[in-house]
Amino acid sequence: MGPLEPKVNELIVAAICFAAIFFTFAKFLVPRITKTLEARQDAIEGTIERSEAVYAEAQQIHAEYQAELSEARHEAARIRQAAADEGSLLIQEVRAEGQRKRDELVISARAQLEADRIVAEAALREDVLRLATDLAGRILGEPITDERRAREIAEAFFAEVDAGSPAKA
């Protein structure tokens, strides 16, 4: 007998062993394997669903963040523009105030200069009158006592000078 012609009793023992192993696998191992595979499948599907939910939530949070960031940028731009406008307004106000103060100072300085000029001119006229009277007295050899007449002559001279015409002697 060869391998192609097995003995019947060995074939029966082999069939019984095969049936026992098959029954053991079918009864105990296959349900456990199936249960484990189903649990893995459920875990994988649950993980995928959770990851999709987490991904969707992350996308929503990202969109909200982008919207808030865009709003913050717009707000910052608005604040910068308001600050620039306010700064320009303040600069204009300060310039106007400076211009006003400068104009006041110029007017005050001009008035002071005019007053000083008048005082200096009056003092100079008095000095010129005194010197002219002294000089005339020296030329004549005697002091001039008619101060009123000397003042009239000097005033006439100054009037001609102020009028722009040359003095006549």
Protein backbone atom coordinates (compact mmCIF):
# COMPACT_ATOMS: atom_id res chain seq x y z
CA MET A 1 0.00 0.00 0.00
CA GLY A 2 1.17 3.43 -0.74
CA PRO A 3 0.25 6.92 0.06
CA LEU A 4 -2.47 6.85 -2.51
CA GLU A 5 -4.09 3.84 -0.94
CA PRO A 6 -4.44 4.59 2.78
CA LYS A 7 -5.53 2.06 5.30
CA VAL A 8 -9.15 2.39 6.32
CA ASN A 9 -8.52 2.36 10.07
CA GLU A 10 -5.91 5.12 9.71
CA LEU A 11 -8.32 7.01 7.51
CA ILE A 12 -11.04 6.72 10.15
CA VAL A 13 -8.67 7.81 12.94
CA ALA A 14 -7.52 10.73 10.77
CA ALA A 15 -11.14 11.67 9.97
CA ILE A 16 -12.09 11.52 13.69
CA CYS A 17 -9.06 13.63 14.63
CA PHE A 18 -9.87 16.06 11.82
CA ALA A 19 -13.53 16.24 12.96
CA ALA A 20 -12.42 16.81 16.60
CA ILE A 21 -9.99 19.55 15.62
CA PHE A 22 -12.54 21.07 13.21
CA PHE A 23 -15.26 20.98 15.89
CA THR A 24 -12.86 22.51 18.46
CA PHE A 25 -11.88 25.25 16.02
CA ALA A 26 -15.49 25.83 14.92
CA LYS A 27 -16.87 25.80 18.47
CA PHE A 28 -14.19 27.71 20.42
CA LEU A 29 -11.54 29.36 18.26
CA VAL A 30 -13.48 30.66 15.23
CA PRO A 31 -16.07 32.56 17.37
CA ARG A 32 -13.24 34.11 19.42
CA ILE A 33 -11.32 35.01 16.27
CA THR A 34 -14.52 36.40 14.69
CA LYS A 35 -15.31 38.32 17.86
CA THR A 36 -11.78 39.72 18.01
CA LEU A 37 -11.89 40.68 14.30
CA GLU A 38 -15.27 42.35 14.75
CA ALA A 39 -13.97 44.22 17.81
CA ARG A 40 -10.96 45.34 15.81
CA GLN A 41 -13.21 46.36 12.92
CA ASP A 42 -15.46 48.30 15.30
CA ALA A 43 -12.42 49.90 16.93
CA ILE A 44 -11.01 50.86 13.55
CA GLU A 45 -14.34 52.24 12.37
CA GLY A 46 -14.83 54.03 15.71
CA THR A 47 -11.33 55.47 15.48
CA ILE A 48 -11.99 56.60 11.92
CA GLU A 49 -15.31 58.17 12.93
CA ARG A 50 -13.71 59.83 15.95
CA SER A 51 -10.81 61.06 13.86
CA GLU A 52 -13.24 62.41 11.26
CA ALA A 53 -15.22 64.12 14.04
CA VAL A 54 -12.03 65.52 15.55
CA TYR A 55 -10.89 66.63 12.08
CA ALA A 56 -14.26 68.32 11.42
CA GLU A 57 -14.07 70.01 14.83
CA ALA A 58 -10.50 71.09 14.14
CA GLN A 59 -11.59 72.51 10.78
CA GLN A 60 -14.42 74.40 12.49
CA ILE A 61 -12.06 75.74 15.17
CA HIS A 62 -9.56 76.70 12.46
CA ALA A 63 -12.29 78.53 10.51
CA GLU A 64 -13.38 80.34 13.69
CA TYR A 65 -9.74 81.21 14.43
CA GLN A 66 -9.27 82.53 10.91
CA ALA A 67 -12.46 84.61 11.22
CA GLU A 68 -11.33 86.01 14.58
CA LEU A 69 -7.87 86.68 13.20
CA SER A 70 -9.35 88.47 10.20
CA GLU A 71 -11.61 90.51 12.49
CA ALA A 72 -8.63 91.34 14.71
CA ARG A 73 -6.65 92.47 11.68
CA HIS A 74 -9.53 94.68 10.55
CA GLU A 75 -9.84 96.09 14.07
CA ALA A 76 -6.09 96.73 14.23
CA ALA A 77 -6.20 98.47 10.85
CA ARG A 78 -9.15 100.57 12.02
CA ILE A 79 -7.32 101.48 15.23
CA ARG A 80 -4.15 102.36 13.28
CA GLN A 81 -6.18 104.53 10.91
CA ALA A 82 -7.96 106.24 13.81
CA ALA A 83 -4.62 106.85 15.53
CA ALA A 84 -3.13 108.24 12.33
CA ASP A 85 -6.15 110.51 11.84
CA GLU A 86 -6.00 111.62 15.46
CA GLY A 87 -2.26 112.21 15.16
CA SER A 88 -2.77 114.30 12.02
CA LEU A 89 -5.48 116.28 13.77
CA LEU A 90 -3.24 116.85 16.79
CA ILE A 91 -0.37 117.92 14.55
CA GLN A 92 -2.67 120.37 12.77
CA GLU A 93 -3.90 121.72 16.11
CA VAL A 94 -0.35 122.08 17.43
CA ARG A 95 0.74 123.78 14.21
CA ALA A 96 -2.22 126.16 14.35
CA GLU A 97 -1.47 126.92 18.01
CA GLY A 98 2.21 127.45 17.19
CA GLN A 99 1.29 129.69 14.26
CA ARG A 100 -1.08 131.68 16.48
CA LYS A 101 1.59 132.08 19.18
CA ARG A 102 4.17 133.02 16.56
CA ASP A 103 1.81 135.64 15.14
CA GLU A 104 1.16 136.99 18.63
CA LEU A 105 4.90 137.15 19.31
CA VAL A 106 5.56 138.87 15.98
CA ILE A 107 2.81 141.42 16.64
CA SER A 108 4.06 141.98 20.18
CA ALA A 109 7.66 142.27 18.99
CA ARG A 110 6.68 144.72 16.24
CA ALA A 111 4.73 146.83 18.74
CA GLN A 112 7.68 146.73 21.14
CA LEU A 113 10.10 147.63 18.33
CA GLU A 114 7.86 150.52 17.26
CA ALA A 115 7.64 151.75 20.84
CA ASP A 116 11.41 151.42 21.26
CA ARG A 117 11.94 153.21 17.94
CA ILE A 118 9.71 156.07 19.02
CA VAL A 119 11.45 156.35 22.39
CA ALA A 120 14.90 156.15 20.74
CA GLU A 121 13.90 158.71 18.10
CA ALA A 122 12.61 161.10 20.78
CA ALA A 123 15.79 160.65 22.84
CA LEU A 124 17.91 161.09 19.72
CA ARG A 125 16.02 164.26 18.75
CA GLU A 126 16.58 165.66 22.23
CA ASP A 127 20.27 164.79 22.03
CA VAL A 128 20.56 166.28 18.53
CA LEU A 129 18.73 169.44 19.68
CA ARG A 130 21.02 169.77 22.68
CA LEU A 131 24.15 169.14 20.63
CA ALA A 132 22.98 171.51 17.87
CA THR A 133 22.23 174.22 20.44
CA ASP A 134 25.64 173.71 22.07
CA LEU A 135 27.39 173.77 18.70
CA ALA A 136 25.51 176.87 17.57
CA GLY A 137 26.41 178.53 20.85
CA ARG A 138 30.09 177.69 20.34
CA ILE A 139 30.02 178.96 16.79
CA LEU A 140 28.41 182.21 17.93
CA GLY A 141 30.69 182.45 20.88
CA GLU A 142 27.87 182.77 23.39
CA PRO A 143 25.35 180.28 24.69
CA ILE A 144 21.93 180.23 23.06
CA THR A 145 19.36 180.95 25.71
CA ASP A 146 16.24 181.02 23.60
CA GLU A 147 15.52 177.33 23.89
CA ARG A 148 12.01 177.71 22.50
CA ARG A 149 13.31 179.21 19.25
CA ALA A 150 16.01 176.49 18.96
CA ARG A 151 13.35 173.81 19.47
CA GLU A 152 11.15 175.35 16.73
CA ILE A 153 14.06 175.36 14.27
CA ALA A 154 14.96 171.75 15.14
CA GLU A 155 11.31 170.64 14.82
CA ALA A 156 11.05 172.27 11.39
CA PHE A 157 14.27 170.49 10.35
CA PHE A 158 13.00 167.13 11.62
CA ALA A 159 9.67 167.66 9.85
CA GLU A 160 11.51 168.20 6.57
CA VAL A 161 13.64 165.10 7.18
CA ASP A 162 10.54 163.01 8.00
CA ALA A 163 8.83 164.32 4.84
CA GLY A 164 11.79 163.13 2.77
CA SER A 165 12.85 166.47 1.42
CA PRO A 166 16.38 167.77 1.97
CA ALA A 167 16.86 170.29 4.78
CA LYS A 168 17.26 173.93 3.81
CA ALA A 169 19.80 176.01 5.67
